[in-house]
Amino acid sequence: MLEKREVKLEEIDACPECGSAHIAHDYERGELVCKQCGLVIEDRYIDQGPEWRAYSQEERNKLARTGTPVKDPSDLPTVISWKNTDSYGRAIPARNRPSIYRLRKWQRMIGRKKTPERSMASAMSRCDRMSSNMELPRQVREATAMLYRRAVEQNLIRGRSMEAITAAALYAACRQCGVPRTFEEVADSSGINRKDIGKTYRFLSRELELKLMPLQPQDYLFRFCRKLELDEDIERKALEMLQLIEEQGLTSGRGPTGMAAAIIYITSLLEGDNRTQSDVAAVAGVTEVTIRNRYKEVADHLDIDISKQM
């Protein structure tokens, strides 16, 4: 009955008393009033629109408090963990564990056969979490979605881990958008082994024919300096040293992250803002051995005596 009533109200375009088409909606009182004769046509008119105002699509999306409907049980964001603990970290009583086990089993069975649409939605949800953890811009997420969709269309997902494909696509998207991240950073955010991400990335790059420019040490230099909270003077001098050794061809054939880490380590020593090799290695995602090998090469090439600064 309520639906029929609403349909009739929507169909009212003239006053039943005087026939005037000047109908006004008084939202404060919930009334439908004729401007010509003053007849209250309906005194319980309900405004079906939002209670807020928006003057652009961006404002409308920001103010809206609902998202897209869940179409399938396997699309639910809640995942029953394999751990026998609750949300507070407390152990689940033994008497409740059989029911938790059954729920976990049913969730696996529901999500076992994934359609391409569900696979895409799940992958993008995972991508959003990783991008948020790594503080990546929106364009990287969009580029990741495009790469993942291309992989789905070319049937590259079958028989491979969706998590590894998503992480590899995110790494490739970072390089495409000019905000490169290391394999270690993607691995820490995704929980996928670094070697698996690298192997999957090489596979995607080959099959999708990605044309990506080789990474350079300066792609990482400033970000590593900011993570180490170094002064701008140190950043500038590190860049000058890097440009000098690039002109002399010393960076050729060497890993960009290791070279950037070595330059930062040397510059911090020269400027008196000493950082340990372990600190720099943790930020750059390389081993201390790599830093030692690179900084010795640079120091010998530029005739810098590091021992006096240590």
Protein backbone atom coordinates (compact mmCIF):
# COMPACT_ATOMS: atom_id res chain seq x y z
CA MET A 1 0.00 0.00 0.00
CA LEU A 2 2.83 2.40 0.81
CA GLU A 3 4.44 1.83 -2.60
CA LYS A 4 1.17 2.59 -4.40
CA ARG A 5 0.75 5.75 -2.32
CA GLU A 6 4.24 6.97 -3.26
CA VAL A 7 3.62 6.27 -6.95
CA LYS A 8 0.40 8.30 -6.87
CA LEU A 9 2.17 11.21 -5.18
CA GLU A 10 4.83 11.22 -7.86
CA GLU A 11 2.14 11.26 -10.54
CA ILE A 12 0.37 14.35 -9.13
CA ASP A 13 1.01 17.24 -11.53
CA ALA A 14 -2.16 19.31 -11.02
CA CYS A 15 -4.33 20.44 -8.14
CA PRO A 16 -7.51 18.29 -7.85
CA GLU A 17 -9.45 21.35 -6.64
CA CYS A 18 -8.61 24.13 -9.12
CA GLY A 19 -6.57 22.25 -11.74
CA SER A 20 -3.50 24.47 -11.33
CA ALA A 21 -0.11 22.95 -12.21
CA HIS A 22 1.72 25.11 -9.66
CA ILE A 23 2.41 22.47 -7.01
CA ALA A 24 4.88 23.21 -4.20
CA HIS A 25 6.71 20.74 -1.93
CA ASP A 26 7.02 21.97 1.64
CA TYR A 27 9.73 19.63 2.95
CA GLU A 28 9.80 21.12 6.45
CA ARG A 29 6.14 20.26 7.03
CA GLY A 30 6.02 17.28 4.70
CA GLU A 31 3.17 18.78 2.68
CA LEU A 32 2.24 19.00 -0.99
CA VAL A 33 0.48 22.37 -1.50
CA CYS A 34 -1.24 24.08 -4.41
CA LYS A 35 0.15 27.59 -4.89
CA GLN A 36 -3.02 28.77 -6.65
CA CYS A 37 -5.75 27.93 -4.15
CA GLY A 38 -3.72 26.87 -1.10
CA LEU A 39 -5.12 23.35 -0.94
CA VAL A 40 -2.98 20.90 1.02
CA ILE A 41 -3.01 17.96 -1.37
CA GLU A 42 -0.92 15.70 0.88
CA ASP A 43 0.15 16.29 4.47
CA ARG A 44 2.54 13.35 4.86
CA TYR A 45 4.81 13.76 1.88
CA ILE A 46 8.23 12.11 2.40
CA ASP A 47 11.37 13.48 0.79
CA GLN A 48 13.20 10.47 -0.63
CA GLY A 49 16.43 12.40 -1.29
CA PRO A 50 19.49 12.80 0.96
CA GLU A 51 19.48 15.16 3.93
CA TRP A 52 22.66 16.89 2.70
CA ARG A 53 23.42 19.16 -0.24
CA ALA A 54 26.07 18.52 -2.86
CA TYR A 55 27.00 20.76 -5.77
CA SER A 56 29.34 18.40 -7.61
CA GLN A 57 29.84 14.68 -8.17
CA GLU A 58 32.95 14.75 -5.98
CA GLU A 59 31.00 16.24 -3.04
CA ARG A 60 28.18 13.75 -3.62
CA ASN A 61 30.57 10.80 -3.46
CA LYS A 62 32.24 12.22 -0.36
CA LEU A 63 29.00 12.78 1.57
CA ALA A 64 27.33 9.51 0.61
CA ARG A 65 27.48 6.99 3.45
CA THR A 66 26.65 3.84 1.55
CA GLY A 67 28.66 1.79 -0.92
CA THR A 68 27.87 -0.72 -3.60
CA PRO A 69 25.68 -3.65 -2.54
CA VAL A 70 27.23 -7.00 -1.72
CA LYS A 71 26.15 -9.32 -4.52
CA ASP A 72 27.70 -12.56 -3.41
CA PRO A 73 28.58 -14.11 -0.02
CA SER A 74 32.18 -14.59 -1.14
CA ASP A 75 32.47 -10.82 -1.66
CA LEU A 76 31.99 -10.14 2.04
CA PRO A 77 34.99 -8.26 3.45
CA THR A 78 34.97 -10.28 6.70
CA VAL A 79 37.39 -13.22 6.65
CA ILE A 80 37.37 -15.91 9.33
CA SER A 81 41.00 -16.21 10.36
CA TRP A 82 42.75 -19.53 10.81
CA LYS A 83 43.80 -18.39 14.30
CA ASN A 84 41.72 -19.62 17.22
CA THR A 85 41.52 -16.16 18.79
CA ASP A 86 38.84 -13.48 18.82
CA SER A 87 39.17 -9.83 17.74
CA TYR A 88 40.74 -8.96 21.12
CA GLY A 89 43.40 -11.66 20.82
CA ARG A 90 41.79 -13.88 23.46
CA ALA A 91 41.72 -17.63 22.91
CA ILE A 92 38.38 -19.02 21.70
CA PRO A 93 36.97 -21.57 24.18
CA ALA A 94 37.33 -25.20 23.10
CA ARG A 95 33.52 -25.68 23.12
CA ASN A 96 33.10 -22.98 20.45
CA ARG A 97 35.91 -24.09 18.15
CA PRO A 98 33.90 -26.73 16.21
CA SER A 99 31.37 -24.08 15.09
CA ILE A 100 34.20 -21.71 14.10
CA TYR A 101 35.81 -24.54 12.13
CA ARG A 102 32.52 -25.18 10.25
CA LEU A 103 32.11 -21.48 9.44
CA ARG A 104 35.70 -21.32 8.20
CA LYS A 105 35.11 -24.40 6.04
CA TRP A 106 31.92 -22.97 4.51
CA GLN A 107 33.63 -19.68 3.73
CA ARG A 108 36.40 -21.52 1.87
CA MET A 109 33.83 -23.57 -0.06
CA ILE A 110 31.82 -20.49 -1.05
CA GLY A 111 34.85 -18.61 -2.30
CA ARG A 112 36.53 -21.57 -3.97
CA LYS A 113 35.10 -21.01 -7.46
CA LYS A 114 35.59 -17.37 -8.30
CA THR A 115 34.17 -15.75 -11.39
CA PRO A 116 36.34 -13.12 -13.12
CA GLU A 117 34.17 -10.36 -11.61
CA ARG A 118 34.58 -11.70 -8.09
CA SER A 119 38.28 -12.27 -8.66
CA MET A 120 38.64 -8.67 -9.85
CA ALA A 121 36.72 -7.30 -6.87
CA SER A 122 38.77 -9.35 -4.41
CA ALA A 123 42.04 -8.32 -6.07
CA MET A 124 41.12 -4.62 -6.03
CA SER A 125 40.11 -4.83 -2.38
CA ARG A 126 43.54 -6.27 -1.63
CA CYS A 127 45.17 -3.61 -3.82
CA ASP A 128 43.39 -0.85 -1.90
CA ARG A 129 44.70 -2.19 1.40
CA MET A 130 48.27 -2.42 0.10
CA SER A 131 48.10 1.02 -1.52
CA SER A 132 46.77 2.53 1.69
CA ASN A 133 49.55 0.93 3.74
CA MET A 134 52.18 2.20 1.29
CA GLU A 135 50.51 5.66 0.96
CA LEU A 136 50.32 5.42 -2.83
CA PRO A 137 48.34 7.89 -4.98
CA ARG A 138 45.04 6.97 -6.61
CA GLN A 139 46.57 6.79 -10.08
CA VAL A 140 48.65 3.80 -8.97
CA ARG A 141 45.51 1.94 -7.89
CA GLU A 142 43.87 2.66 -11.24
CA ALA A 143 46.96 1.49 -13.14
CA THR A 144 47.01 -1.69 -11.02
CA ALA A 145 43.36 -2.37 -11.87
CA MET A 146 44.08 -1.99 -15.60
CA LEU A 147 47.04 -4.38 -15.44
CA TYR A 148 45.09 -6.95 -13.45
CA ARG A 149 42.15 -6.77 -15.87
CA ARG A 150 44.51 -7.30 -18.81
CA ALA A 151 45.92 -10.34 -17.03
CA VAL A 152 42.40 -11.71 -16.50
CA GLU A 153 41.43 -11.11 -20.13
CA GLN A 154 44.55 -12.96 -21.34
CA ASN A 155 43.84 -15.84 -18.92
CA LEU A 156 47.11 -15.32 -17.02
CA ILE A 157 45.48 -15.76 -13.61
CA ARG A 158 44.59 -19.44 -13.96
CA GLY A 159 46.81 -21.67 -11.87
CA ARG A 160 48.56 -18.75 -10.17
CA SER A 161 48.16 -17.02 -6.85
CA MET A 162 45.78 -14.06 -7.04
CA GLU A 163 47.70 -12.40 -4.20
CA ALA A 164 51.02 -12.68 -6.06
CA ILE A 165 49.46 -11.38 -9.30
CA THR A 166 47.99 -8.39 -7.45
CA ALA A 167 51.28 -7.58 -5.70
CA ALA A 168 53.22 -7.88 -8.97
CA ALA A 169 50.70 -5.68 -10.79
CA LEU A 170 50.99 -3.09 -8.02
CA TYR A 171 54.79 -3.10 -8.31
CA ALA A 172 54.55 -2.63 -12.10
CA ALA A 173 51.96 0.14 -11.69
CA CYS A 174 54.26 1.99 -9.30
CA ARG A 175 56.98 1.97 -11.93
CA GLN A 176 54.55 3.06 -14.65
CA CYS A 177 53.34 6.01 -12.58
CA GLY A 178 56.83 7.19 -11.61
CA VAL A 179 56.55 6.32 -7.90
CA PRO A 180 58.68 3.14 -7.76
CA ARG A 181 58.71 0.97 -4.68
CA THR A 182 61.08 -1.86 -3.86
CA PHE A 183 60.10 -5.52 -3.88
CA GLU A 184 60.69 -5.53 -0.13
CA GLU A 185 58.16 -2.75 0.44
CA VAL A 186 55.52 -4.52 -1.64
CA ALA A 187 56.32 -7.80 0.12
CA ASP A 188 55.95 -6.22 3.57
CA SER A 189 52.60 -4.71 2.62
CA SER A 190 51.18 -7.77 0.85
CA GLY A 191 52.60 -10.57 2.97
CA ILE A 192 53.86 -12.31 -0.19
CA ASN A 193 57.42 -13.57 -0.48
CA ARG A 194 59.75 -11.18 -2.32
CA LYS A 195 60.94 -13.89 -4.71
CA ASP A 196 57.36 -14.83 -5.61
CA ILE A 197 56.55 -11.18 -6.40
CA GLY A 198 59.68 -10.83 -8.54
CA LYS A 199 58.97 -14.05 -10.42
CA THR A 200 55.33 -13.08 -11.05
CA TYR A 201 56.32 -9.54 -12.07
CA ARG A 202 58.75 -10.88 -14.69
CA PHE A 203 56.01 -13.19 -15.97
CA LEU A 204 53.47 -10.33 -16.28
CA SER A 205 56.04 -8.03 -17.84
CA ARG A 206 56.80 -10.62 -20.50
CA GLU A 207 53.22 -11.71 -21.24
CA LEU A 208 51.71 -8.19 -21.19
CA GLU A 209 54.72 -6.76 -23.04
CA LEU A 210 55.22 -3.98 -20.51
CA LYS A 211 57.70 -1.35 -21.66
CA LEU A 212 59.15 0.00 -18.43
CA MET A 213 62.22 2.18 -18.17
CA PRO A 214 65.10 0.81 -16.05
CA LEU A 215 65.13 2.13 -12.50
CA GLN A 216 67.79 4.64 -11.47
CA PRO A 217 69.28 5.32 -7.99
CA GLN A 218 67.76 8.82 -7.91
CA ASP A 219 64.30 7.22 -8.09
CA TYR A 220 64.85 6.11 -4.49
CA LEU A 221 67.36 8.63 -3.15
CA PHE A 222 65.06 11.34 -1.76
CA ARG A 223 62.51 8.90 -0.34
CA PHE A 224 65.20 6.99 1.54
CA CYS A 225 66.62 10.27 2.87
CA ARG A 226 63.22 11.34 4.16
CA LYS A 227 62.63 7.99 5.83
CA LEU A 228 65.97 8.42 7.60
CA GLU A 229 64.97 12.01 8.52
CA LEU A 230 68.12 13.49 6.99
CA ASP A 231 68.54 17.23 6.37
CA GLU A 232 67.92 18.76 2.96
CA ASP A 233 71.62 19.64 2.69
CA ILE A 234 72.49 15.97 2.94
CA GLU A 235 69.87 15.14 0.29
CA ARG A 236 71.33 17.75 -2.05
CA LYS A 237 74.93 16.62 -1.55
CA ALA A 238 73.92 12.97 -1.96
CA LEU A 239 72.32 13.86 -5.30
CA GLU A 240 75.45 15.75 -6.40
CA MET A 241 77.63 12.74 -5.54
CA LEU A 242 75.26 10.42 -7.36
CA GLN A 243 75.28 12.59 -10.50
CA LEU A 244 79.08 12.64 -10.40
CA ILE A 245 79.49 8.88 -10.30
CA GLU A 246 76.76 8.44 -12.94
CA GLU A 247 78.73 10.64 -15.31
CA GLN A 248 81.72 8.37 -14.73
CA GLY A 249 79.67 5.24 -15.39
CA LEU A 250 80.02 3.70 -11.93
CA THR A 251 76.28 2.99 -11.52
CA SER A 252 76.08 0.87 -14.66
CA GLY A 253 75.14 -2.75 -13.94
CA ARG A 254 74.52 -2.16 -10.24
CA GLY A 255 71.27 -2.30 -8.31
CA PRO A 256 69.67 1.15 -7.93
CA THR A 257 68.55 0.62 -4.33
CA GLY A 258 71.97 -0.58 -3.19
CA MET A 259 73.73 2.31 -4.92
CA ALA A 260 71.30 4.87 -3.47
CA ALA A 261 71.77 3.39 0.01
CA ALA A 262 75.59 3.52 -0.31
CA ILE A 263 75.53 7.17 -1.45
CA ILE A 264 73.29 8.11 1.48
CA TYR A 265 75.52 6.27 3.93
CA ILE A 266 78.69 7.99 2.65
CA THR A 267 77.08 11.44 2.60
CA SER A 268 75.72 11.10 6.12
CA LEU A 269 79.21 10.17 7.35
CA LEU A 270 80.83 13.11 5.57
CA GLU A 271 78.25 15.54 6.96
CA GLY A 272 78.56 14.26 10.53
CA ASP A 273 75.00 12.89 10.69
CA ASN A 274 76.14 9.31 11.10
CA ARG A 275 73.66 6.55 10.31
CA THR A 276 74.52 2.92 10.80
CA GLN A 277 74.63 0.52 7.90
CA SER A 278 71.78 -1.45 9.46
CA ASP A 279 69.56 1.67 9.59
CA VAL A 280 70.16 2.49 5.94
CA ALA A 281 69.82 -1.17 4.91
CA ALA A 282 66.45 -1.47 6.68
CA VAL A 283 65.07 1.57 4.85
CA ALA A 284 66.47 0.59 1.43
CA GLY A 285 65.54 -3.07 1.71
CA VAL A 286 69.07 -4.30 0.97
CA THR A 287 71.66 -6.16 3.01
CA GLU A 288 74.52 -4.51 4.87
CA VAL A 289 76.93 -6.49 2.68
CA THR A 290 75.50 -4.77 -0.39
CA ILE A 291 75.98 -1.35 1.18
CA ARG A 292 79.58 -2.16 2.14
CA ASN A 293 80.41 -3.37 -1.35
CA ARG A 294 78.86 -0.32 -3.01
CA TYR A 295 80.28 2.33 -0.67
CA LYS A 296 83.79 0.87 -0.96
CA GLU A 297 83.55 1.11 -4.76
CA VAL A 298 82.34 4.71 -4.58
CA ALA A 299 84.90 5.71 -1.95
CA ASP A 300 87.78 4.21 -3.94
CA HIS A 301 86.56 5.79 -7.17
CA LEU A 302 86.20 9.26 -5.63
CA ASP A 303 89.24 8.88 -3.35
CA ILE A 304 87.25 9.36 -0.14
CA ASP A 305 88.70 8.09 3.13
CA ILE A 306 85.69 6.75 4.99
CA SER A 307 87.73 5.38 7.92
CA LYS A 308 88.43 8.90 9.21
CA GLN A 309 84.71 9.66 9.38
CA MET A 310 83.68 6.48 11.20
